[in-house]
PDB file of all heavy atoms in Angstrom:
ATOM      1  N   LEU A   1     -15.074  41.244 -12.027  1.00  0.00           N
ATOM      2  CA  LEU A   1     -15.943  40.376 -12.803  1.00  0.00           C
ATOM      3  C   LEU A   1     -15.364  38.966 -12.877  1.00  0.00           C
ATOM      4  O   LEU A   1     -16.082  37.978 -12.709  1.00  0.00           O
ATOM      5  CB  LEU A   1     -16.122  40.943 -14.218  1.00  0.00           C
ATOM      6  CG  LEU A   1     -16.914  40.061 -15.184  1.00  0.00           C
ATOM      7  CD1 LEU A   1     -18.375  39.972 -14.759  1.00  0.00           C
ATOM      8  CD2 LEU A   1     -16.805  40.597 -16.616  1.00  0.00           C
ATOM      9  N   VAL A   2     -14.055  38.865 -13.112  1.00  0.00           N
ATOM     10  CA  VAL A   2     -13.405  37.559 -13.197  1.00  0.00           C
ATOM     11  C   VAL A   2     -13.504  36.822 -11.866  1.00  0.00           C
ATOM     12  O   VAL A   2     -13.794  35.617 -11.814  1.00  0.00           O
ATOM     13  CB  VAL A   2     -11.932  37.723 -13.629  1.00  0.00           C
ATOM     14  CG1 VAL A   2     -11.167  36.418 -13.474  1.00  0.00           C
ATOM     15  CG2 VAL A   2     -11.861  38.208 -15.065  1.00  0.00           C
ATOM     16  N   GLN A   3     -13.292  37.528 -10.761  1.00  0.00           N
ATOM     17  CA  GLN A   3     -13.405  36.908  -9.445  1.00  0.00           C
ATOM     18  C   GLN A   3     -14.827  36.391  -9.197  1.00  0.00           C
ATOM     19  O   GLN A   3     -15.013  35.288  -8.660  1.00  0.00           O
ATOM     20  CB  GLN A   3     -13.014  37.909  -8.349  1.00  0.00           C
ATOM     21  CG  GLN A   3     -11.521  38.089  -8.157  1.00  0.00           C
ATOM     22  CD  GLN A   3     -11.223  38.951  -6.954  1.00  0.00           C
ATOM     23  OE1 GLN A   3     -11.871  39.966  -6.721  1.00  0.00           O
ATOM     24  NE2 GLN A   3     -10.230  38.551  -6.168  1.00  0.00           N
ATOM     25  N   ALA A   4     -15.826  37.179  -9.587  1.00  0.00           N
ATOM     26  CA  ALA A   4     -17.218  36.776  -9.384  1.00  0.00           C
ATOM     27  C   ALA A   4     -17.558  35.538 -10.213  1.00  0.00           C
ATOM     28  O   ALA A   4     -18.242  34.626  -9.736  1.00  0.00           O
ATOM     29  CB  ALA A   4     -18.152  37.926  -9.754  1.00  0.00           C
ATOM     30  N   GLN A   5     -17.083  35.474 -11.452  1.00  0.00           N
ATOM     31  CA  GLN A   5     -17.346  34.314 -12.292  1.00  0.00           C
ATOM     32  C   GLN A   5     -16.668  33.069 -11.742  1.00  0.00           C
ATOM     33  O   GLN A   5     -17.250  31.981 -11.738  1.00  0.00           O
ATOM     34  CB  GLN A   5     -16.890  34.591 -13.725  1.00  0.00           C
ATOM     35  CG  GLN A   5     -17.778  35.585 -14.468  1.00  0.00           C
ATOM     36  CD  GLN A   5     -17.384  35.739 -15.916  1.00  0.00           C
ATOM     37  OE1 GLN A   5     -16.261  35.400 -16.307  1.00  0.00           O
ATOM     38  NE2 GLN A   5     -18.294  36.245 -16.722  1.00  0.00           N
ATOM     39  N   ASN A   6     -15.432  33.204 -11.287  1.00  0.00           N
ATOM     40  CA  ASN A   6     -14.715  32.058 -10.720  1.00  0.00           C
ATOM     41  C   ASN A   6     -15.410  31.552  -9.455  1.00  0.00           C
ATOM     42  O   ASN A   6     -15.517  30.339  -9.231  1.00  0.00           O
ATOM     43  CB  ASN A   6     -13.271  32.432 -10.412  1.00  0.00           C
ATOM     44  CG  ASN A   6     -12.434  32.628 -11.662  1.00  0.00           C
ATOM     45  OD1 ASN A   6     -12.800  32.144 -12.737  1.00  0.00           O
ATOM     46  ND2 ASN A   6     -11.324  33.333 -11.543  1.00  0.00           N
ATOM     47  N   ALA A   7     -15.896  32.481  -8.609  1.00  0.00           N
ATOM     48  CA  ALA A   7     -16.597  32.083  -7.392  1.00  0.00           C
ATOM     49  C   ALA A   7     -17.895  31.353  -7.725  1.00  0.00           C
ATOM     50  O   ALA A   7     -18.239  30.349  -7.090  1.00  0.00           O
ATOM     51  CB  ALA A   7     -16.885  33.312  -6.528  1.00  0.00           C
ATOM     52  N   ALA A   8     -18.628  31.836  -8.731  1.00  0.00           N
ATOM     53  CA  ALA A   8     -19.877  31.180  -9.142  1.00  0.00           C
ATOM     54  C   ALA A   8     -19.608  29.794  -9.693  1.00  0.00           C
ATOM     55  O   ALA A   8     -20.356  28.844  -9.431  1.00  0.00           O
ATOM     56  CB  ALA A   8     -20.598  32.040 -10.182  1.00  0.00           C
ATOM     57  N   ARG A   9     -18.516  29.652 -10.428  1.00  0.00           N
ATOM     58  CA  ARG A   9     -18.170  28.346 -10.990  1.00  0.00           C
ATOM     59  C   ARG A   9     -17.807  27.360  -9.881  1.00  0.00           C
ATOM     60  O   ARG A   9     -18.231  26.200  -9.902  1.00  0.00           O
ATOM     61  CB  ARG A   9     -17.013  28.500 -11.978  1.00  0.00           C
ATOM     62  CG  ARG A   9     -16.699  27.244 -12.771  1.00  0.00           C
ATOM     63  CD  ARG A   9     -15.620  27.502 -13.808  1.00  0.00           C
ATOM     64  NE  ARG A   9     -16.059  28.489 -14.771  1.00  0.00           N
ATOM     65  CZ  ARG A   9     -15.577  29.715 -14.854  1.00  0.00           C
ATOM     66  NH1 ARG A   9     -14.640  30.115 -14.017  1.00  0.00           N
ATOM     67  NH2 ARG A   9     -16.026  30.551 -15.759  1.00  0.00           N
ATOM     68  N   LYS A  10     -17.049  27.792  -8.889  1.00  0.00           N
ATOM     69  CA  LYS A  10     -16.672  26.924  -7.774  1.00  0.00           C
ATOM     70  C   LYS A  10     -17.898  26.539  -6.954  1.00  0.00           C
ATOM     71  O   LYS A  10     -18.018  25.404  -6.489  1.00  0.00           O
ATOM     72  CB  LYS A  10     -15.636  27.621  -6.903  1.00  0.00           C
ATOM     73  CG  LYS A  10     -14.268  27.765  -7.563  1.00  0.00           C
ATOM     74  CD  LYS A  10     -13.295  28.480  -6.642  1.00  0.00           C
ATOM     75  CE  LYS A  10     -11.926  28.632  -7.315  1.00  0.00           C
ATOM     76  NZ  LYS A  10     -10.966  29.368  -6.456  1.00  0.00           N
ATOM     77  N   GLU A  11     -18.824  27.487  -6.784  1.00  0.00           N
ATOM     78  CA  GLU A  11     -20.041  27.198  -6.033  1.00  0.00           C
ATOM     79  C   GLU A  11     -20.889  26.152  -6.752  1.00  0.00           C
ATOM     80  O   GLU A  11     -21.448  25.248  -6.121  1.00  0.00           O
ATOM     81  CB  GLU A  11     -20.845  28.491  -5.852  1.00  0.00           C
ATOM     82  CG  GLU A  11     -22.180  28.309  -5.131  1.00  0.00           C
ATOM     83  CD  GLU A  11     -22.013  27.883  -3.679  1.00  0.00           C
ATOM     84  OE1 GLU A  11     -20.910  28.083  -3.108  1.00  0.00           O
ATOM     85  OE2 GLU A  11     -22.984  27.335  -3.124  1.00  0.00           O
ATOM     86  N   PHE A  12     -20.961  26.260  -8.066  1.00  0.00           N
ATOM     87  CA  PHE A  12     -21.724  25.283  -8.845  1.00  0.00           C
ATOM     88  C   PHE A  12     -21.117  23.893  -8.714  1.00  0.00           C
ATOM     89  O   PHE A  12     -21.831  22.906  -8.506  1.00  0.00           O
ATOM     90  CB  PHE A  12     -21.762  25.712 -10.313  1.00  0.00           C
ATOM     91  CG  PHE A  12     -22.409  24.704 -11.222  1.00  0.00           C
ATOM     92  CD1 PHE A  12     -23.791  24.587 -11.278  1.00  0.00           C
ATOM     93  CD2 PHE A  12     -21.635  23.869 -12.016  1.00  0.00           C
ATOM     94  CE1 PHE A  12     -24.388  23.654 -12.108  1.00  0.00           C
ATOM     95  CE2 PHE A  12     -22.223  22.938 -12.851  1.00  0.00           C
ATOM     96  CZ  PHE A  12     -23.603  22.827 -12.900  1.00  0.00           C
ATOM     97  N   ILE A  13     -19.790  23.805  -8.812  1.00  0.00           N
ATOM     98  CA  ILE A  13     -19.118  22.509  -8.691  1.00  0.00           C
ATOM     99  C   ILE A  13     -19.320  21.939  -7.293  1.00  0.00           C
ATOM    100  O   ILE A  13     -19.543  20.735  -7.111  1.00  0.00           O
ATOM    101  CB  ILE A  13     -17.617  22.659  -9.013  1.00  0.00           C
ATOM    102  CG1 ILE A  13     -17.432  23.044 -10.491  1.00  0.00           C
ATOM    103  CG2 ILE A  13     -16.853  21.374  -8.705  1.00  0.00           C
ATOM    104  CD1 ILE A  13     -15.995  23.372 -10.858  1.00  0.00           C
ATOM    105  N   SER A  14     -19.271  22.812  -6.280  1.00  0.00           N
ATOM    106  CA  SER A  14     -19.470  22.358  -4.905  1.00  0.00           C
ATOM    107  C   SER A  14     -20.878  21.812  -4.710  1.00  0.00           C
ATOM    108  O   SER A  14     -21.081  20.778  -4.059  1.00  0.00           O
ATOM    109  CB  SER A  14     -19.209  23.511  -3.935  1.00  0.00           C
ATOM    110  OG  SER A  14     -19.478  23.134  -2.616  1.00  0.00           O
ATOM    111  N   GLN A  15     -21.883  22.495  -5.259  1.00  0.00           N
ATOM    112  CA  GLN A  15     -23.258  22.032  -5.137  1.00  0.00           C
ATOM    113  C   GLN A  15     -23.464  20.705  -5.851  1.00  0.00           C
ATOM    114  O   GLN A  15     -24.164  19.818  -5.361  1.00  0.00           O
ATOM    115  CB  GLN A  15     -24.213  23.089  -5.693  1.00  0.00           C
ATOM    116  CG  GLN A  15     -24.306  24.347  -4.840  1.00  0.00           C
ATOM    117  CD  GLN A  15     -25.223  25.388  -5.453  1.00  0.00           C
ATOM    118  OE1 GLN A  15     -25.723  25.208  -6.562  1.00  0.00           O
ATOM    119  NE2 GLN A  15     -25.428  26.490  -4.753  1.00  0.00           N
ATOM    120  N   GLN A  16     -22.826  20.552  -7.004  1.00  0.00           N
ATOM    121  CA  GLN A  16     -22.932  19.298  -7.732  1.00  0.00           C
ATOM    122  C   GLN A  16     -22.303  18.155  -6.944  1.00  0.00           C
ATOM    123  O   GLN A  16     -22.826  17.045  -6.917  1.00  0.00           O
ATOM    124  CB  GLN A  16     -22.268  19.425  -9.101  1.00  0.00           C
ATOM    125  CG  GLN A  16     -23.009  20.323 -10.077  1.00  0.00           C
ATOM    126  CD  GLN A  16     -24.370  19.768 -10.443  1.00  0.00           C
ATOM    127  OE1 GLN A  16     -25.382  20.268  -9.970  1.00  0.00           O
ATOM    128  NE2 GLN A  16     -24.408  18.735 -11.250  1.00  0.00           N
ATOM    129  N   SER A  17     -21.156  18.432  -6.288  1.00  0.00           N
ATOM    130  CA  SER A  17     -20.488  17.404  -5.494  1.00  0.00           C
ATOM    131  C   SER A  17     -21.342  17.000  -4.302  1.00  0.00           C
ATOM    132  O   SER A  17     -21.410  15.825  -3.939  1.00  0.00           O
ATOM    133  CB  SER A  17     -19.124  17.914  -5.021  1.00  0.00           C
ATOM    134  OG  SER A  17     -18.298  18.240  -6.118  1.00  0.00           O
ATOM    135  N   LEU A  18     -22.016  17.987  -3.668  1.00  0.00           N
ATOM    136  CA  LEU A  18     -22.899  17.682  -2.547  1.00  0.00           C
ATOM    137  C   LEU A  18     -24.088  16.836  -3.001  1.00  0.00           C
ATOM    138  O   LEU A  18     -24.469  15.866  -2.344  1.00  0.00           O
ATOM    139  CB  LEU A  18     -23.396  18.985  -1.909  1.00  0.00           C
ATOM    140  CG  LEU A  18     -24.338  18.839  -0.703  1.00  0.00           C
ATOM    141  CD1 LEU A  18     -23.622  18.106   0.427  1.00  0.00           C
ATOM    142  CD2 LEU A  18     -24.813  20.208  -0.245  1.00  0.00           C
ATOM    143  N   LYS A  19     -24.649  17.193  -4.114  1.00  0.00           N
ATOM    144  CA  LYS A  19     -25.765  16.425  -4.666  1.00  0.00           C
ATOM    145  C   LYS A  19     -25.321  15.003  -4.982  1.00  0.00           C
ATOM    146  O   LYS A  19     -26.034  14.030  -4.750  1.00  0.00           O
ATOM    147  CB  LYS A  19     -26.279  17.118  -5.938  1.00  0.00           C
ATOM    148  CG  LYS A  19     -27.401  16.375  -6.639  1.00  0.00           C
ATOM    149  CD  LYS A  19     -27.803  17.121  -7.895  1.00  0.00           C
ATOM    150  CE  LYS A  19     -28.882  16.353  -8.652  1.00  0.00           C
ATOM    151  NZ  LYS A  19     -29.262  17.035  -9.912  1.00  0.00           N
ATOM    152  N   GLU A  20     -24.115  14.895  -5.505  1.00  0.00           N
ATOM    153  CA  GLU A  20     -23.554  13.593  -5.857  1.00  0.00           C
ATOM    154  C   GLU A  20     -23.362  12.725  -4.622  1.00  0.00           C
ATOM    155  O   GLU A  20     -23.578  11.515  -4.647  1.00  0.00           O
ATOM    156  CB  GLU A  20     -22.213  13.814  -6.573  1.00  0.00           C
ATOM    157  CG  GLU A  20     -21.544  12.574  -7.092  1.00  0.00           C
ATOM    158  CD  GLU A  20     -20.287  12.939  -7.838  1.00  0.00           C
ATOM    159  OE1 GLU A  20     -20.387  13.527  -8.922  1.00  0.00           O
ATOM    160  OE2 GLU A  20     -19.203  12.646  -7.320  1.00  0.00           O
ATOM    161  N   ALA A  21     -22.988  13.344  -3.495  1.00  0.00           N
ATOM    162  CA  ALA A  21     -22.723  12.583  -2.277  1.00  0.00           C
ATOM    163  C   ALA A  21     -24.009  12.104  -1.615  1.00  0.00           C
ATOM    164  O   ALA A  21     -24.002  11.101  -0.896  1.00  0.00           O
ATOM    165  CB  ALA A  21     -21.936  13.439  -1.296  1.00  0.00           C
ATOM    166  N   THR A  22     -25.134  12.795  -1.836  1.00  0.00           N
ATOM    167  CA  THR A  22     -26.380  12.455  -1.156  1.00  0.00           C
ATOM    168  C   THR A  22     -27.305  11.579  -1.993  1.00  0.00           C
ATOM    169  O   THR A  22     -28.235  11.001  -1.469  1.00  0.00           O
ATOM    170  CB  THR A  22     -27.133  13.738  -0.785  1.00  0.00           C
ATOM    171  OG1 THR A  22     -27.346  14.522  -1.960  1.00  0.00           O
ATOM    172  CG2 THR A  22     -26.323  14.558   0.208  1.00  0.00           C
ATOM    173  N   GLN A  23     -27.075  11.519  -3.309  1.00  0.00           N
ATOM    174  CA  GLN A  23     -27.973  10.735  -4.147  1.00  0.00           C
ATOM    175  C   GLN A  23     -27.499   9.290  -4.237  1.00  0.00           C
ATOM    176  O   GLN A  23     -26.365   8.965  -3.914  1.00  0.00           O
ATOM    177  CB  GLN A  23     -28.049  11.335  -5.558  1.00  0.00           C
ATOM    178  CG  GLN A  23     -26.773  11.171  -6.374  1.00  0.00           C
ATOM    179  CD  GLN A  23     -26.912  11.800  -7.752  1.00  0.00           C
ATOM    180  OE1 GLN A  23     -27.915  12.395  -8.074  1.00  0.00           O
ATOM    181  NE2 GLN A  23     -25.889  11.643  -8.553  1.00  0.00           N
ATOM    182  N   GLU A  24     -28.397   8.418  -4.669  1.00  0.00           N
ATOM    183  CA  GLU A  24     -28.046   7.015  -4.837  1.00  0.00           C
ATOM    184  C   GLU A  24     -27.134   6.885  -6.042  1.00  0.00           C
ATOM    185  O   GLU A  24     -27.444   7.357  -7.135  1.00  0.00           O
ATOM    186  CB  GLU A  24     -29.309   6.174  -5.046  1.00  0.00           C
ATOM    187  CG  GLU A  24     -29.022   4.685  -5.205  1.00  0.00           C
ATOM    188  CD  GLU A  24     -30.298   3.887  -5.419  1.00  0.00           C
ATOM    189  OE1 GLU A  24     -31.384   4.504  -5.362  1.00  0.00           O
ATOM    190  OE2 GLU A  24     -30.208   2.685  -5.640  1.00  0.00           O
ATOM    191  N   MET A  25     -26.004   6.257  -5.832  1.00  0.00           N
ATOM    192  CA  MET A  25     -25.011   6.141  -6.899  1.00  0.00           C
ATOM    193  C   MET A  25     -25.367   4.965  -7.792  1.00  0.00           C
ATOM    194  O   MET A  25     -25.192   3.799  -7.417  1.00  0.00           O
ATOM    195  CB  MET A  25     -23.616   5.960  -6.297  1.00  0.00           C
ATOM    196  CG  MET A  25     -23.129   7.150  -5.503  1.00  0.00           C
ATOM    197  SD  MET A  25     -22.667   8.508  -6.574  1.00  0.00           S
ATOM    198  CE  MET A  25     -21.174   7.859  -7.271  1.00  0.00           C
ATOM    199  N   THR A  26     -25.877   5.269  -8.995  1.00  0.00           N
ATOM    200  CA  THR A  26     -26.236   4.197  -9.909  1.00  0.00           C
ATOM    201  C   THR A  26     -25.015   3.528 -10.500  1.00  0.00           C
ATOM    202  O   THR A  26     -25.118   2.467 -11.089  1.00  0.00           O
ATOM    203  CB  THR A  26     -27.109   4.750 -11.050  1.00  0.00           C
ATOM    204  OG1 THR A  26     -26.396   5.790 -11.727  1.00  0.00           O
ATOM    205  CG2 THR A  26     -28.405   5.300 -10.513  1.00  0.00           C
ATOM    206  N   SER A  27     -23.866   4.165 -10.373  1.00  0.00           N
ATOM    207  CA  SER A  27     -22.646   3.591 -10.936  1.00  0.00           C
ATOM    208  C   SER A  27     -21.829   2.849  -9.891  1.00  0.00           C
ATOM    209  O   SER A  27     -20.684   2.512 -10.121  1.00  0.00           O
ATOM    210  CB  SER A  27     -21.801   4.708 -11.560  1.00  0.00           C
ATOM    211  OG  SER A  27     -21.450   5.659 -10.590  1.00  0.00           O
ATOM    212  N   ASP A  28     -22.413   2.597  -8.701  1.00  0.00           N
ATOM    213  CA  ASP A  28     -21.696   1.889  -7.647  1.00  0.00           C
ATOM    214  C   ASP A  28     -21.433   0.456  -8.102  1.00  0.00           C
ATOM    215  O   ASP A  28     -22.346  -0.278  -8.466  1.00  0.00           O
ATOM    216  CB  ASP A  28     -22.521   1.898  -6.359  1.00  0.00           C
ATOM    217  CG  ASP A  28     -21.752   1.294  -5.191  1.00  0.00           C
ATOM    218  OD1 ASP A  28     -20.536   1.061  -5.348  1.00  0.00           O
ATOM    219  OD2 ASP A  28     -22.373   1.053  -4.142  1.00  0.00           O
ATOM    220  N   THR A  29     -20.177   0.057  -8.083  1.00  0.00           N
ATOM    221  CA  THR A  29     -19.796  -1.270  -8.573  1.00  0.00           C
ATOM    222  C   THR A  29     -19.390  -2.211  -7.452  1.00  0.00           C
ATOM    223  O   THR A  29     -18.877  -3.294  -7.719  1.00  0.00           O
ATOM    224  CB  THR A  29     -18.622  -1.132  -9.565  1.00  0.00           C
ATOM    225  OG1 THR A  29     -17.508  -0.514  -8.894  1.00  0.00           O
ATOM    226  CG2 THR A  29     -19.016  -0.288 -10.764  1.00  0.00           C
ATOM    227  N   SER A  30     -19.607  -1.823  -6.187  1.00  0.00           N
ATOM    228  CA  SER A  30     -19.129  -2.645  -5.078  1.00  0.00           C
ATOM    229  C   SER A  30     -19.843  -3.991  -5.009  1.00  0.00           C
ATOM    230  O   SER A  30     -19.260  -4.979  -4.557  1.00  0.00           O
ATOM    231  CB  SER A  30     -19.304  -1.886  -3.754  1.00  0.00           C
ATOM    232  OG  SER A  30     -20.668  -1.559  -3.539  1.00  0.00           O
ATOM    233  N   ASP A  31     -21.111  -4.056  -5.445  1.00  0.00           N
ATOM    234  CA  ASP A  31     -21.853  -5.311  -5.379  1.00  0.00           C
ATOM    235  C   ASP A  31     -22.042  -5.934  -6.762  1.00  0.00           C
ATOM    236  O   ASP A  31     -22.943  -6.747  -6.974  1.00  0.00           O
ATOM    237  CB  ASP A  31     -23.219  -5.099  -4.715  1.00  0.00           C
ATOM    238  CG  ASP A  31     -24.055  -4.062  -5.455  1.00  0.00           C
ATOM    239  OD1 ASP A  31     -23.511  -3.389  -6.352  1.00  0.00           O
ATOM    240  OD2 ASP A  31     -25.254  -3.928  -5.130  1.00  0.00           O
ATOM    241  N   TYR A  32     -21.176  -5.582  -7.700  1.00  0.00           N
ATOM    242  CA  TYR A  32     -21.304  -6.106  -9.066  1.00  0.00           C
ATOM    243  C   TYR A  32     -21.004  -7.593  -9.090  1.00  0.00           C
ATOM    244  O   TYR A  32     -20.048  -8.073  -8.465  1.00  0.00           O
ATOM    245  CB  TYR A  32     -20.351  -5.362 -10.002  1.00  0.00           C
ATOM    246  CG  TYR A  32     -20.313  -5.932 -11.404  1.00  0.00           C
ATOM    247  CD1 TYR A  32     -21.339  -5.658 -12.302  1.00  0.00           C
ATOM    248  CD2 TYR A  32     -19.266  -6.751 -11.819  1.00  0.00           C
ATOM    249  CE1 TYR A  32     -21.311  -6.167 -13.585  1.00  0.00           C
ATOM    250  CE2 TYR A  32     -19.228  -7.268 -13.103  1.00  0.00           C
ATOM    251  CZ  TYR A  32     -20.267  -6.974 -13.980  1.00  0.00           C
ATOM    252  OH  TYR A  32     -20.238  -7.489 -15.248  1.00  0.00           O
ATOM    253  N   ASN A  33     -21.823  -8.332  -9.802  1.00  0.00           N
ATOM    254  CA  ASN A  33     -21.641  -9.775  -9.926  1.00  0.00           C
ATOM    255  C   ASN A  33     -22.076 -10.199 -11.315  1.00  0.00           C
ATOM    256  O   ASN A  33     -23.246 -10.028 -11.680  1.00  0.00           O
ATOM    257  CB  ASN A  33     -22.461 -10.507  -8.853  1.00  0.00           C
ATOM    258  CG  ASN A  33     -21.815 -11.812  -8.429  1.00  0.00           C
ATOM    259  OD1 ASN A  33     -21.054 -12.400  -9.189  1.00  0.00           O
ATOM    260  ND2 ASN A  33     -22.122 -12.261  -7.218  1.00  0.00           N
ATOM    261  N   TYR A  34     -21.162 -10.726 -12.092  1.00  0.00           N
ATOM    262  CA  TYR A  34     -21.478 -11.107 -13.475  1.00  0.00           C
ATOM    263  C   TYR A  34     -22.453 -12.274 -13.503  1.00  0.00           C
ATOM    264  O   TYR A  34     -22.303 -13.254 -12.772  1.00  0.00           O
ATOM    265  CB  TYR A  34     -20.197 -11.475 -14.215  1.00  0.00           C
ATOM    266  CG  TYR A  34     -20.431 -11.861 -15.656  1.00  0.00           C
ATOM    267  CD1 TYR A  34     -20.593 -10.896 -16.634  1.00  0.00           C
ATOM    268  CD2 TYR A  34     -20.512 -13.209 -16.036  1.00  0.00           C
ATOM    269  CE1 TYR A  34     -20.818 -11.239 -17.958  1.00  0.00           C
ATOM    270  CE2 TYR A  34     -20.735 -13.566 -17.357  1.00  0.00           C
ATOM    271  CZ  TYR A  34     -20.889 -12.576 -18.311  1.00  0.00           C
ATOM    272  OH  TYR A  34     -21.114 -12.916 -19.619  1.00  0.00           O
ATOM    273  N   ARG A  35     -23.438 -12.167 -14.375  1.00  0.00           N
ATOM    274  CA  ARG A  35     -24.424 -13.220 -14.555  1.00  0.00           C
ATOM    275  C   ARG A  35     -24.150 -13.951 -15.862  1.00  0.00           C
ATOM    276  O   ARG A  35     -24.014 -13.332 -16.921  1.00  0.00           O
ATOM    277  CB  ARG A  35     -25.837 -12.625 -14.567  1.00  0.00           C
ATOM    278  CG  ARG A  35     -26.222 -11.926 -13.272  1.00  0.00           C
ATOM    279  CD  ARG A  35     -26.439 -12.915 -12.153  1.00  0.00           C
ATOM    280  NE  ARG A  35     -26.641 -12.245 -10.857  1.00  0.00           N
ATOM    281  CZ  ARG A  35     -26.945 -12.891  -9.746  1.00  0.00           C
ATOM    282  NH1 ARG A  35     -27.077 -14.216  -9.757  1.00  0.00           N
ATOM    283  NH2 ARG A  35     -27.095 -12.233  -8.611  1.00  0.00           N
ATOM    284  N   ILE A  36     -24.077 -15.257 -15.782  1.00  0.00           N
ATOM    285  CA  ILE A  36     -23.759 -16.083 -16.944  1.00  0.00           C
ATOM    286  C   ILE A  36     -24.876 -15.973 -17.975  1.00  0.00           C
ATOM    287  O   ILE A  36     -26.071 -15.892 -17.619  1.00  0.00           O
ATOM    288  CB  ILE A  36     -23.564 -17.553 -16.510  1.00  0.00           C
ATOM    289  CG1 ILE A  36     -22.378 -17.647 -15.540  1.00  0.00           C
ATOM    290  CG2 ILE A  36     -23.346 -18.467 -17.713  1.00  0.00           C
ATOM    291  CD1 ILE A  36     -22.253 -18.986 -14.859  1.00  0.00           C
ATOM    292  N   GLY A  37     -24.493 -15.955 -19.256  1.00  0.00           N
ATOM    293  CA  GLY A  37     -25.476 -15.840 -20.324  1.00  0.00           C
ATOM    294  C   GLY A  37     -25.240 -16.864 -21.414  1.00  0.00           C
ATOM    295  O   GLY A  37     -24.247 -17.599 -21.424  1.00  0.00           O
ATOM    296  N   LYS A  38     -26.157 -16.907 -22.354  1.00  0.00           N
ATOM    297  CA  LYS A  38     -26.068 -17.853 -23.472  1.00  0.00           C
ATOM    298  C   LYS A  38     -24.845 -17.541 -24.338  1.00  0.00           C
ATOM    299  O   LYS A  38     -24.628 -16.393 -24.710  1.00  0.00           O
ATOM    300  CB  LYS A  38     -27.333 -17.781 -24.317  1.00  0.00           C
ATOM    301  CG  LYS A  38     -28.607 -18.064 -23.524  1.00  0.00           C
ATOM    302  CD  LYS A  38     -29.842 -17.782 -24.343  1.00  0.00           C
ATOM    303  CE  LYS A  38     -31.106 -17.977 -23.507  1.00  0.00           C
ATOM    304  NZ  LYS A  38     -32.341 -17.679 -24.267  1.00  0.00           N
ATOM    305  N   GLY A  39     -24.080 -18.584 -24.640  1.00  0.00           N
ATOM    306  CA  GLY A  39     -22.891 -18.414 -25.458  1.00  0.00           C
ATOM    307  C   GLY A  39     -21.606 -18.323 -24.666  1.00  0.00           C
ATOM    308  O   GLY A  39     -20.513 -18.474 -25.228  1.00  0.00           O
ATOM    309  N   ASP A  40     -21.690 -18.032 -23.362  1.00  0.00           N
ATOM    310  CA  ASP A  40     -20.485 -18.024 -22.522  1.00  0.00           C
ATOM    311  C   ASP A  40     -19.887 -19.433 -22.457  1.00  0.00           C
ATOM    312  O   ASP A  40     -20.586 -20.454 -22.610  1.00  0.00           O
ATOM    313  CB  ASP A  40     -20.817 -17.549 -21.115  1.00  0.00           C
ATOM    314  CG  ASP A  40     -21.068 -16.053 -21.041  1.00  0.00           C
ATOM    315  OD1 ASP A  40     -20.656 -15.347 -21.977  1.00  0.00           O
ATOM    316  OD2 ASP A  40     -21.701 -15.605 -20.063  1.00  0.00           O
ATOM    317  N   ILE A  41     -18.600 -19.498 -22.228  1.00  0.00           N
ATOM    318  CA  ILE A  41     -17.911 -20.782 -22.114  1.00  0.00           C
ATOM    319  C   ILE A  41     -17.373 -20.901 -20.696  1.00  0.00           C
ATOM    320  O   ILE A  41     -16.595 -20.053 -20.243  1.00  0.00           O
ATOM    321  CB  ILE A  41     -16.766 -20.895 -23.139  1.00  0.00           C
ATOM    322  CG1 ILE A  41     -17.326 -20.752 -24.566  1.00  0.00           C
ATOM    323  CG2 ILE A  41     -16.026 -22.220 -22.984  1.00  0.00           C
ATOM    324  CD1 ILE A  41     -16.265 -20.780 -25.646  1.00  0.00           C
ATOM    325  N   LEU A  42     -17.794 -21.968 -19.993  1.00  0.00           N
ATOM    326  CA  LEU A  42     -17.401 -22.192 -18.610  1.00  0.00           C
ATOM    327  C   LEU A  42     -16.265 -23.201 -18.545  1.00  0.00           C
ATOM    328  O   LEU A  42     -16.249 -24.190 -19.290  1.00  0.00           O
ATOM    329  CB  LEU A  42     -18.583 -22.692 -17.783  1.00  0.00           C
ATOM    330  CG  LEU A  42     -19.862 -21.854 -17.806  1.00  0.00           C
ATOM    331  CD1 LEU A  42     -20.893 -22.467 -16.860  1.00  0.00           C
ATOM    332  CD2 LEU A  42     -19.579 -20.419 -17.441  1.00  0.00           C
ATOM    333  N   ASN A  43     -15.345 -22.942 -17.651  1.00  0.00           N
ATOM    334  CA  ASN A  43     -14.255 -23.872 -17.383  1.00  0.00           C
ATOM    335  C   ASN A  43     -14.489 -24.461 -15.988  1.00  0.00           C
ATOM    336  O   ASN A  43     -14.456 -23.737 -14.994  1.00  0.00           O
ATOM    337  CB  ASN A  43     -12.915 -23.146 -17.450  1.00  0.00           C
ATOM    338  CG  ASN A  43     -11.742 -24.082 -17.296  1.00  0.00           C
ATOM    339  OD1 ASN A  43     -11.812 -25.234 -17.724  1.00  0.00           O
ATOM    340  ND2 ASN A  43     -10.683 -23.613 -16.669  1.00  0.00           N
ATOM    341  N   ILE A  44     -14.735 -25.785 -15.922  1.00  0.00           N
ATOM    342  CA  ILE A  44     -15.083 -26.454 -14.663  1.00  0.00           C
ATOM    343  C   ILE A  44     -13.978 -27.448 -14.306  1.00  0.00           C
ATOM    344  O   ILE A  44     -13.606 -28.294 -15.119  1.00  0.00           O
ATOM    345  CB  ILE A  44     -16.437 -27.177 -14.780  1.00  0.00           C
ATOM    346  CG1 ILE A  44     -17.529 -26.179 -15.201  1.00  0.00           C
ATOM    347  CG2 ILE A  44     -16.807 -27.852 -13.462  1.00  0.00           C
ATOM    348  CD1 ILE A  44     -18.860 -26.810 -15.517  1.00  0.00           C
ATOM    349  N   VAL A  45     -13.470 -27.331 -13.097  1.00  0.00           N
ATOM    350  CA  VAL A  45     -12.393 -28.199 -12.617  1.00  0.00           C
ATOM    351  C   VAL A  45     -12.840 -28.866 -11.327  1.00  0.00           C
ATOM    352  O   VAL A  45     -13.323 -28.185 -10.405  1.00  0.00           O
ATOM    353  CB  VAL A  45     -11.098 -27.394 -12.378  1.00  0.00           C
ATOM    354  CG1 VAL A  45     -10.001 -28.299 -11.803  1.00  0.00           C
ATOM    355  CG2 VAL A  45     -10.631 -26.720 -13.655  1.00  0.00           C
TER     356      VAL A  45
END
């Protein structure tokens, strides 16, 4: 029973990882660019 539960848990994690690899990553930060807003203080040289 313990072996079967551990195998099911690993299979679930594996499926989640596969789903994660194929879906669009909303948390991708590679193209992040801060946009200036009201109240920010700019230093210009």
